């Protein structure tokens, strides 16, 4: 998979502030298995503290 460009359409934080989470709907220009297209992806990411900031600990992608 090769990603060329990603545009965030909508981003919302998760409801539970004790577990930092972000859900973003994106339009992702990518080549997947030789086919280039704009894919409508929802990315649900969880964060964890690291040093002085936060990092993405995991992400699950699905279509919308």
N, C-alpha and C. Protein backbone atom coordinates (compact mmCIF):
# COMPACT_ATOMS: atom_id res chain seq x y z
N UNK A 1 0.84 -1.17 0.00
CA UNK A 1 0.00 0.00 0.00
C UNK A 1 0.88 1.24 0.00
N UNK A 2 0.49 2.18 -0.81
CA UNK A 2 1.22 3.45 -0.86
C UNK A 2 0.21 4.59 -0.69
N UNK A 3 0.48 5.44 0.28
CA UNK A 3 -0.41 6.55 0.57
C UNK A 3 0.16 7.82 -0.05
N UNK A 4 -0.71 8.57 -0.76
CA UNK A 4 -0.27 9.78 -1.46
C UNK A 4 -0.74 11.05 -0.75
N UNK A 5 -1.94 11.03 -0.25
CA UNK A 5 -2.52 12.23 0.36
C UNK A 5 -3.70 11.82 1.25
N UNK A 6 -3.88 12.55 2.36
CA UNK A 6 -5.01 12.29 3.24
C UNK A 6 -5.63 13.61 3.65
N UNK A 7 -6.94 13.71 3.49
CA UNK A 7 -7.68 14.90 3.90
C UNK A 7 -8.65 14.50 5.01
N UNK A 8 -8.58 15.20 6.14
CA UNK A 8 -9.49 14.93 7.25
C UNK A 8 -10.81 15.65 6.99
N UNK A 9 -11.89 14.90 6.97
CA UNK A 9 -13.23 15.45 6.75
C UNK A 9 -13.86 15.83 8.08
N UNK A 10 -13.66 14.98 9.08
CA UNK A 10 -14.27 15.19 10.40
C UNK A 10 -13.41 14.48 11.44
N UNK A 11 -13.23 15.09 12.60
CA UNK A 11 -12.50 14.45 13.70
C UNK A 11 -13.24 14.73 15.00
N UNK A 12 -13.44 13.66 15.79
CA UNK A 12 -14.13 13.80 17.06
C UNK A 12 -13.38 13.04 18.15
N UNK A 13 -13.26 13.65 19.33
CA UNK A 13 -12.63 12.95 20.45
C UNK A 13 -13.56 11.88 21.01
N UNK A 14 -12.98 10.91 21.69
CA UNK A 14 -13.78 9.86 22.31
C UNK A 14 -14.53 10.38 23.52
N UNK A 15 -15.57 9.67 23.94
CA UNK A 15 -16.41 10.12 25.04
C UNK A 15 -15.77 9.96 26.42
N UNK A 16 -14.80 9.05 26.55
CA UNK A 16 -14.19 8.76 27.85
C UNK A 16 -12.86 9.49 27.95
N UNK A 17 -12.79 10.54 28.75
CA UNK A 17 -11.57 11.33 28.84
C UNK A 17 -10.42 10.59 29.53
N UNK A 18 -10.72 9.50 30.24
CA UNK A 18 -9.65 8.73 30.88
C UNK A 18 -8.88 7.87 29.88
N UNK A 19 -9.46 7.62 28.71
CA UNK A 19 -8.81 6.87 27.64
C UNK A 19 -8.79 7.76 26.40
N UNK A 20 -7.69 8.52 26.17
CA UNK A 20 -7.64 9.43 25.03
C UNK A 20 -7.84 8.68 23.71
N UNK A 21 -8.82 9.14 22.95
CA UNK A 21 -9.21 8.48 21.70
C UNK A 21 -9.65 9.54 20.70
N UNK A 22 -9.39 9.30 19.43
CA UNK A 22 -9.81 10.20 18.37
C UNK A 22 -10.33 9.37 17.21
N UNK A 23 -11.49 9.75 16.69
CA UNK A 23 -12.04 9.11 15.49
C UNK A 23 -12.06 10.16 14.39
N UNK A 24 -11.45 9.82 13.26
CA UNK A 24 -11.36 10.75 12.13
C UNK A 24 -11.87 10.09 10.86
N UNK A 25 -12.71 10.80 10.15
CA UNK A 25 -13.13 10.37 8.81
C UNK A 25 -12.22 11.07 7.81
N UNK A 26 -11.65 10.29 6.90
CA UNK A 26 -10.71 10.85 5.95
C UNK A 26 -11.04 10.46 4.52
N UNK A 27 -10.56 11.25 3.60
CA UNK A 27 -10.52 10.89 2.19
C UNK A 27 -9.05 10.63 1.89
N UNK A 28 -8.72 9.38 1.64
CA UNK A 28 -7.32 8.97 1.53
C UNK A 28 -7.01 8.54 0.11
N UNK A 29 -6.10 9.27 -0.53
CA UNK A 29 -5.63 8.94 -1.86
C UNK A 29 -4.51 7.92 -1.69
N UNK A 30 -4.76 6.68 -2.13
CA UNK A 30 -3.79 5.61 -1.91
C UNK A 30 -3.82 4.62 -3.07
N UNK A 31 -2.68 3.97 -3.27
CA UNK A 31 -2.59 2.85 -4.21
C UNK A 31 -2.57 1.58 -3.37
N UNK A 32 -3.57 0.75 -3.56
CA UNK A 32 -3.70 -0.49 -2.81
C UNK A 32 -3.84 -1.63 -3.80
N UNK A 33 -2.94 -2.58 -3.71
CA UNK A 33 -2.89 -3.73 -4.63
C UNK A 33 -2.93 -3.28 -6.09
N UNK A 34 -2.20 -2.18 -6.40
CA UNK A 34 -2.08 -1.72 -7.78
C UNK A 34 -3.18 -0.79 -8.25
N UNK A 35 -4.21 -0.57 -7.46
CA UNK A 35 -5.32 0.31 -7.84
C UNK A 35 -5.26 1.60 -7.04
N UNK A 36 -5.14 2.74 -7.77
CA UNK A 36 -5.13 4.03 -7.09
C UNK A 36 -6.55 4.58 -7.06
N UNK A 37 -6.95 5.03 -5.88
CA UNK A 37 -8.30 5.58 -5.70
C UNK A 37 -8.31 6.45 -4.46
N UNK A 38 -9.42 7.15 -4.27
CA UNK A 38 -9.64 7.88 -3.03
C UNK A 38 -10.54 7.01 -2.16
N UNK A 39 -10.01 6.61 -1.03
CA UNK A 39 -10.69 5.70 -0.12
C UNK A 39 -11.28 6.49 1.03
N UNK A 40 -12.52 6.21 1.37
CA UNK A 40 -13.20 6.85 2.50
C UNK A 40 -12.93 5.99 3.73
N UNK A 41 -11.99 6.46 4.56
CA UNK A 41 -11.58 5.67 5.72
C UNK A 41 -11.96 6.37 7.03
N UNK A 42 -12.39 5.57 7.99
CA UNK A 42 -12.55 6.02 9.36
C UNK A 42 -11.37 5.46 10.13
N UNK A 43 -10.62 6.33 10.81
CA UNK A 43 -9.47 5.92 11.60
C UNK A 43 -9.79 6.18 13.07
N UNK A 44 -9.80 5.14 13.87
CA UNK A 44 -10.06 5.25 15.30
C UNK A 44 -8.73 4.98 16.01
N UNK A 45 -8.19 6.00 16.70
CA UNK A 45 -6.87 5.91 17.30
C UNK A 45 -6.93 6.11 18.80
N UNK A 46 -6.06 5.37 19.51
CA UNK A 46 -5.91 5.49 20.96
C UNK A 46 -4.52 6.01 21.25
N UNK A 47 -4.40 6.81 22.31
CA UNK A 47 -3.14 7.46 22.65
C UNK A 47 -2.64 7.01 24.01
N UNK A 48 -1.31 7.11 24.19
CA UNK A 48 -0.70 6.85 25.49
C UNK A 48 0.41 7.88 25.72
N UNK A 49 0.64 8.21 27.01
CA UNK A 49 1.68 9.19 27.30
C UNK A 49 3.07 8.62 27.01
N UNK A 50 3.93 9.48 26.49
CA UNK A 50 5.32 9.09 26.24
C UNK A 50 6.19 10.33 26.40
N UNK A 51 7.08 10.32 27.37
CA UNK A 51 7.93 11.48 27.62
C UNK A 51 7.09 12.68 28.01
N UNK A 52 7.28 13.79 27.29
CA UNK A 52 6.54 15.02 27.56
C UNK A 52 5.25 15.14 26.75
N UNK A 53 4.93 14.12 25.94
CA UNK A 53 3.75 14.24 25.08
C UNK A 53 2.96 12.95 25.01
N UNK A 54 2.25 12.79 23.90
CA UNK A 54 1.40 11.63 23.67
C UNK A 54 1.74 11.03 22.32
N UNK A 55 1.60 9.70 22.20
CA UNK A 55 1.78 9.03 20.92
C UNK A 55 0.55 8.19 20.62
N UNK A 56 0.35 7.89 19.35
CA UNK A 56 -0.73 6.98 18.96
C UNK A 56 -0.28 5.55 19.29
N UNK A 57 -1.03 4.89 20.14
CA UNK A 57 -0.69 3.53 20.57
C UNK A 57 -1.29 2.48 19.64
N UNK A 58 -2.37 2.82 18.97
CA UNK A 58 -3.03 1.87 18.07
C UNK A 58 -4.08 2.57 17.24
N UNK A 59 -4.31 2.05 16.05
CA UNK A 59 -5.33 2.60 15.14
C UNK A 59 -6.04 1.46 14.44
N UNK A 60 -7.35 1.58 14.31
CA UNK A 60 -8.15 0.64 13.53
C UNK A 60 -8.80 1.42 12.39
N UNK A 61 -8.66 0.93 11.18
CA UNK A 61 -9.23 1.60 10.01
C UNK A 61 -10.41 0.80 9.48
N UNK A 62 -11.42 1.52 9.03
CA UNK A 62 -12.57 0.90 8.37
C UNK A 62 -13.10 1.89 7.33
N UNK A 63 -13.95 1.43 6.45
CA UNK A 63 -14.52 2.32 5.44
C UNK A 63 -15.80 2.95 5.96
N UNK A 64 -16.18 4.07 5.35
CA UNK A 64 -17.44 4.73 5.70
C UNK A 64 -18.17 5.11 4.45
